[in-house]
C-alpha atoms as a PDB file:
ATOM      1  CA  UNK A   1      38.994  26.030  22.311  1.00  0.00           C
ATOM      2  CA  UNK A   2      38.493  22.180  21.950  1.00  0.00           C
ATOM      3  CA  UNK A   3      39.112  20.597  18.478  1.00  0.00           C
ATOM      4  CA  UNK A   4      36.198  18.995  16.680  1.00  0.00           C
ATOM      5  CA  UNK A   5      36.115  15.253  16.589  1.00  0.00           C
ATOM      6  CA  UNK A   6      37.954  13.635  13.805  1.00  0.00           C
ATOM      7  CA  UNK A   7      36.096  12.035  11.016  1.00  0.00           C
ATOM      8  CA  UNK A   8      37.327   8.621  12.034  1.00  0.00           C
ATOM      9  CA  UNK A   9      36.001   9.032  15.607  1.00  0.00           C
ATOM     10  CA  UNK A  10      32.722  10.261  14.080  1.00  0.00           C
ATOM     11  CA  UNK A  11      32.434   7.239  11.867  1.00  0.00           C
ATOM     12  CA  UNK A  12      33.187   4.873  14.778  1.00  0.00           C
ATOM     13  CA  UNK A  13      30.475   6.506  16.852  1.00  0.00           C
ATOM     14  CA  UNK A  14      27.974   6.107  13.953  1.00  0.00           C
ATOM     15  CA  UNK A  15      28.915   2.480  13.371  1.00  0.00           C
ATOM     16  CA  UNK A  16      28.593   1.611  17.068  1.00  0.00           C
ATOM     17  CA  UNK A  17      24.955   2.878  17.148  1.00  0.00           C
ATOM     18  CA  UNK A  18      23.764   0.890  13.973  1.00  0.00           C
ATOM     19  CA  UNK A  19      21.641  -2.113  14.870  1.00  0.00           C
ATOM     20  CA  UNK A  20      22.920  -5.683  13.935  1.00  0.00           C
ATOM     21  CA  UNK A  21      20.306  -6.119  11.230  1.00  0.00           C
ATOM     22  CA  UNK A  22      21.842  -3.212   9.351  1.00  0.00           C
ATOM     23  CA  UNK A  23      25.084  -5.228   8.747  1.00  0.00           C
ATOM     24  CA  UNK A  24      23.115  -8.230   7.752  1.00  0.00           C
ATOM     25  CA  UNK A  25      21.078  -6.092   5.370  1.00  0.00           C
ATOM     26  CA  UNK A  26      24.299  -4.962   3.684  1.00  0.00           C
ATOM     27  CA  UNK A  27      24.569  -8.459   2.199  1.00  0.00           C
ATOM     28  CA  UNK A  28      21.441  -8.151  -0.101  1.00  0.00           C
ATOM     29  CA  UNK A  29      22.426  -4.557  -0.901  1.00  0.00           C
ATOM     30  CA  UNK A  30      25.784  -5.691  -2.338  1.00  0.00           C
ATOM     31  CA  UNK A  31      24.697  -9.122  -3.698  1.00  0.00           C
ATOM     32  CA  UNK A  32      21.463  -7.676  -5.362  1.00  0.00           C
ATOM     33  CA  UNK A  33      23.605  -4.900  -6.760  1.00  0.00           C
ATOM     34  CA  UNK A  34      25.805  -7.375  -8.424  1.00  0.00           C
ATOM     35  CA  UNK A  35      22.774  -9.436  -9.569  1.00  0.00           C
ATOM     36  CA  UNK A  36      21.495  -6.315 -11.481  1.00  0.00           C
ATOM     37  CA  UNK A  37      24.585  -6.582 -13.761  1.00  0.00           C
ATOM     38  CA  UNK A  38      24.488 -10.450 -13.996  1.00  0.00           C
ATOM     39  CA  UNK A  39      20.847 -10.408 -14.983  1.00  0.00           C
ATOM     40  CA  UNK A  40      21.509  -8.065 -17.861  1.00  0.00           C
ATOM     41  CA  UNK A  41      24.532 -10.116 -18.886  1.00  0.00           C
ATOM     42  CA  UNK A  42      22.388 -13.355 -18.877  1.00  0.00           C
ATOM     43  CA  UNK A  43      19.506 -11.871 -20.783  1.00  0.00           C
ATOM     44  CA  UNK A  44      21.978 -10.830 -23.518  1.00  0.00           C
ATOM     45  CA  UNK A  45      22.424 -14.540 -24.149  1.00  0.00           C
ATOM     46  CA  UNK A  46      19.292 -16.271 -22.755  1.00  0.00           C
ATOM     47  CA  UNK A  47      15.528 -15.767 -22.927  1.00  0.00           C
ATOM     48  CA  UNK A  48      13.941 -14.414 -19.718  1.00  0.00           C
ATOM     49  CA  UNK A  49      12.353 -17.834 -19.077  1.00  0.00           C
ATOM     50  CA  UNK A  50      15.735 -19.637 -19.287  1.00  0.00           C
ATOM     51  CA  UNK A  51      17.349 -16.942 -17.197  1.00  0.00           C
ATOM     52  CA  UNK A  52      14.785 -17.491 -14.410  1.00  0.00           C
ATOM     53  CA  UNK A  53      15.361 -21.291 -14.553  1.00  0.00           C
ATOM     54  CA  UNK A  54      19.088 -20.884 -14.257  1.00  0.00           C
ATOM     55  CA  UNK A  55      18.489 -18.287 -11.494  1.00  0.00           C
ATOM     56  CA  UNK A  56      16.615 -20.941  -9.580  1.00  0.00           C
ATOM     57  CA  UNK A  57      19.392 -23.425 -10.118  1.00  0.00           C
ATOM     58  CA  UNK A  58      21.812 -20.963  -8.712  1.00  0.00           C
ATOM     59  CA  UNK A  59      19.605 -20.572  -5.688  1.00  0.00           C
ATOM     60  CA  UNK A  60      19.427 -24.259  -5.132  1.00  0.00           C
ATOM     61  CA  UNK A  61      23.229 -24.723  -5.354  1.00  0.00           C
ATOM     62  CA  UNK A  62      23.724 -22.066  -2.540  1.00  0.00           C
ATOM     63  CA  UNK A  63      20.792 -23.311  -0.425  1.00  0.00           C
ATOM     64  CA  UNK A  64      22.620 -26.213   1.395  1.00  0.00           C
ATOM     65  CA  UNK A  65      25.110 -23.710   2.761  1.00  0.00           C
ATOM     66  CA  UNK A  66      22.412 -21.355   4.106  1.00  0.00           C
ATOM     67  CA  UNK A  67      19.855 -23.962   5.262  1.00  0.00           C
ATOM     68  CA  UNK A  68      20.796 -25.458   8.627  1.00  0.00           C
ATOM     69  CA  UNK A  69      17.403 -26.699   9.888  1.00  0.00           C
ATOM     70  CA  UNK A  70      16.755 -30.444  10.073  1.00  0.00           C
ATOM     71  CA  UNK A  71      13.482 -30.266   8.239  1.00  0.00           C
ATOM     72  CA  UNK A  72      11.908 -27.982   5.665  1.00  0.00           C
ATOM     73  CA  UNK A  73       8.505 -28.719   7.196  1.00  0.00           C
ATOM     74  CA  UNK A  74       9.246 -27.107  10.482  1.00  0.00           C
ATOM     75  CA  UNK A  75       6.841 -24.264  11.113  1.00  0.00           C
ATOM     76  CA  UNK A  76       3.178 -23.628  10.887  1.00  0.00           C
ATOM     77  CA  UNK A  77       0.939 -24.339   7.878  1.00  0.00           C
ATOM     78  CA  UNK A  78       0.222 -20.641   7.678  1.00  0.00           C
ATOM     79  CA  UNK A  79       3.924 -19.787   7.694  1.00  0.00           C
ATOM     80  CA  UNK A  80       4.634 -22.328   4.885  1.00  0.00           C
ATOM     81  CA  UNK A  81       1.636 -20.971   2.920  1.00  0.00           C
ATOM     82  CA  UNK A  82       2.970 -17.307   3.269  1.00  0.00           C
ATOM     83  CA  UNK A  83       6.486 -18.582   2.214  1.00  0.00           C
ATOM     84  CA  UNK A  84       5.240 -20.415  -0.888  1.00  0.00           C
ATOM     85  CA  UNK A  85       3.180 -17.335  -1.959  1.00  0.00           C
ATOM     86  CA  UNK A  86       6.220 -15.198  -1.383  1.00  0.00           C
ATOM     87  CA  UNK A  87       8.244 -17.585  -3.614  1.00  0.00           C
ATOM     88  CA  UNK A  88       5.581 -17.332  -6.332  1.00  0.00           C
ATOM     89  CA  UNK A  89       5.564 -13.552  -6.313  1.00  0.00           C
ATOM     90  CA  UNK A  90       9.404 -13.538  -6.187  1.00  0.00           C
ATOM     91  CA  UNK A  91       9.571 -15.790  -9.312  1.00  0.00           C
ATOM     92  CA  UNK A  92       6.933 -13.585 -11.161  1.00  0.00           C
ATOM     93  CA  UNK A  93       8.929 -10.451 -10.390  1.00  0.00           C
ATOM     94  CA  UNK A  94      12.274 -12.120 -11.311  1.00  0.00           C
ATOM     95  CA  UNK A  95      10.790 -13.244 -14.645  1.00  0.00           C
ATOM     96  CA  UNK A  96       9.302  -9.733 -15.280  1.00  0.00           C
ATOM     97  CA  UNK A  97      12.636  -8.080 -14.491  1.00  0.00           C
ATOM     98  CA  UNK A  98      14.514 -10.389 -16.812  1.00  0.00           C
ATOM     99  CA  UNK A  99      11.927  -9.864 -19.480  1.00  0.00           C
ATOM    100  CA  UNK A 100      12.352  -6.052 -19.201  1.00  0.00           C
ATOM    101  CA  UNK A 101      16.100  -6.424 -19.547  1.00  0.00           C
ATOM    102  CA  UNK A 102      15.654  -8.838 -22.550  1.00  0.00           C
ATOM    103  CA  UNK A 103      13.345  -6.399 -24.283  1.00  0.00           C
ATOM    104  CA  UNK A 104      15.999  -3.809 -24.402  1.00  0.00           C
ATOM    105  CA  UNK A 105      15.774  -2.170 -20.971  1.00  0.00           C
ATOM    106  CA  UNK A 106      18.994  -0.754 -19.632  1.00  0.00           C
ATOM    107  CA  UNK A 107      20.207  -2.333 -16.377  1.00  0.00           C
ATOM    108  CA  UNK A 108      21.060   1.115 -15.051  1.00  0.00           C
ATOM    109  CA  UNK A 109      17.369   2.038 -15.315  1.00  0.00           C
ATOM    110  CA  UNK A 110      15.450  -1.251 -14.980  1.00  0.00           C
ATOM    111  CA  UNK A 111      17.323  -2.442 -11.877  1.00  0.00           C
ATOM    112  CA  UNK A 112      16.788   0.743  -9.846  1.00  0.00           C
ATOM    113  CA  UNK A 113      13.262   0.969 -10.977  1.00  0.00           C
ATOM    114  CA  UNK A 114      12.358  -2.589  -9.924  1.00  0.00           C
ATOM    115  CA  UNK A 115      14.295  -2.078  -6.690  1.00  0.00           C
ATOM    116  CA  UNK A 116      11.646   0.372  -5.606  1.00  0.00           C
ATOM    117  CA  UNK A 117       9.426  -2.642  -4.564  1.00  0.00           C
ATOM    118  CA  UNK A 118       9.788  -1.555  -0.935  1.00  0.00           C
ATOM    119  CA  UNK A 119       7.545   1.352  -1.755  1.00  0.00           C
ATOM    120  CA  UNK A 120       4.765  -1.153  -2.099  1.00  0.00           C
ATOM    121  CA  UNK A 121       5.643  -2.560   1.325  1.00  0.00           C
ATOM    122  CA  UNK A 122       5.618   0.974   2.744  1.00  0.00           C
ATOM    123  CA  UNK A 123       2.029   1.532   1.534  1.00  0.00           C
ATOM    124  CA  UNK A 124       0.787  -1.899   2.455  1.00  0.00           C
ATOM    125  CA  UNK A 125       2.520  -2.376   5.909  1.00  0.00           C
ATOM    126  CA  UNK A 126       0.211  -0.056   7.743  1.00  0.00           C
ATOM    127  CA  UNK A 127      -2.845  -1.711   6.292  1.00  0.00           C
ATOM    128  CA  UNK A 128      -1.866  -5.356   6.586  1.00  0.00           C
ATOM    129  CA  UNK A 129       0.873  -5.499   9.303  1.00  0.00           C
ATOM    130  CA  UNK A 130      -0.413  -2.558  11.273  1.00  0.00           C
ATOM    131  CA  UNK A 131       2.965  -0.829  11.252  1.00  0.00           C
ATOM    132  CA  UNK A 132       3.290   2.854  11.318  1.00  0.00           C
ATOM    133  CA  UNK A 133       5.149   4.976   8.826  1.00  0.00           C
ATOM    134  CA  UNK A 134       6.860   8.170   9.999  1.00  0.00           C
ATOM    135  CA  UNK A 135       6.985  11.362   7.984  1.00  0.00           C
ATOM    136  CA  UNK A 136      10.683  10.846   7.440  1.00  0.00           C
ATOM    137  CA  UNK A 137      10.042   7.369   5.893  1.00  0.00           C
ATOM    138  CA  UNK A 138       7.448   8.994   3.744  1.00  0.00           C
ATOM    139  CA  UNK A 139      10.001  11.613   2.668  1.00  0.00           C
ATOM    140  CA  UNK A 140      12.354   8.734   1.828  1.00  0.00           C
ATOM    141  CA  UNK A 141       9.775   7.147  -0.439  1.00  0.00           C
ATOM    142  CA  UNK A 142       9.306  10.389  -2.174  1.00  0.00           C
ATOM    143  CA  UNK A 143      13.030  10.790  -2.679  1.00  0.00           C
ATOM    144  CA  UNK A 144      13.239   7.170  -4.102  1.00  0.00           C
ATOM    145  CA  UNK A 145      10.485   7.961  -6.652  1.00  0.00           C
ATOM    146  CA  UNK A 146      12.161  11.117  -7.654  1.00  0.00           C
ATOM    147  CA  UNK A 147      15.351   9.338  -8.152  1.00  0.00           C
ATOM    148  CA  UNK A 148      13.748   6.766 -10.551  1.00  0.00           C
ATOM    149  CA  UNK A 149      12.186   9.554 -12.538  1.00  0.00           C
ATOM    150  CA  UNK A 150      15.593  11.224 -12.820  1.00  0.00           C
ATOM    151  CA  UNK A 151      17.270   7.973 -13.781  1.00  0.00           C
ATOM    152  CA  UNK A 152      14.732   7.169 -16.476  1.00  0.00           C
ATOM    153  CA  UNK A 153      15.076  10.433 -18.280  1.00  0.00           C
END
């Protein structure tokens, strides 16, 4: 009787079939996980408004290392408009997150709750981007919402 594959060979097989974007997406998973703690620590000592300002400064400090294009105006006007609108909504969300932490919210509850923003994307993507959502993805949204309810009790 053949032996079952070892766990190391199973994990190698799984890793080999993951798309390249998965590994890139691990960066925000880890960095935003750390941010959840840093945001609470900053709002223990600063107002939400000042925390957002320093958050922006932190982004500008890192930007030269990430931005390699010769001009910020490369791209279509429509693309620039969507990017500016995205930045405005991002700033609004960051301020509200920090305000929730400053007003006494626990980082262990507020961060996971606000991290459910992809649920909004899941509902809007079929309408605006004409993307389809599978039953399994819908089940994932249900599990995420259940997790937040359990975390907040």
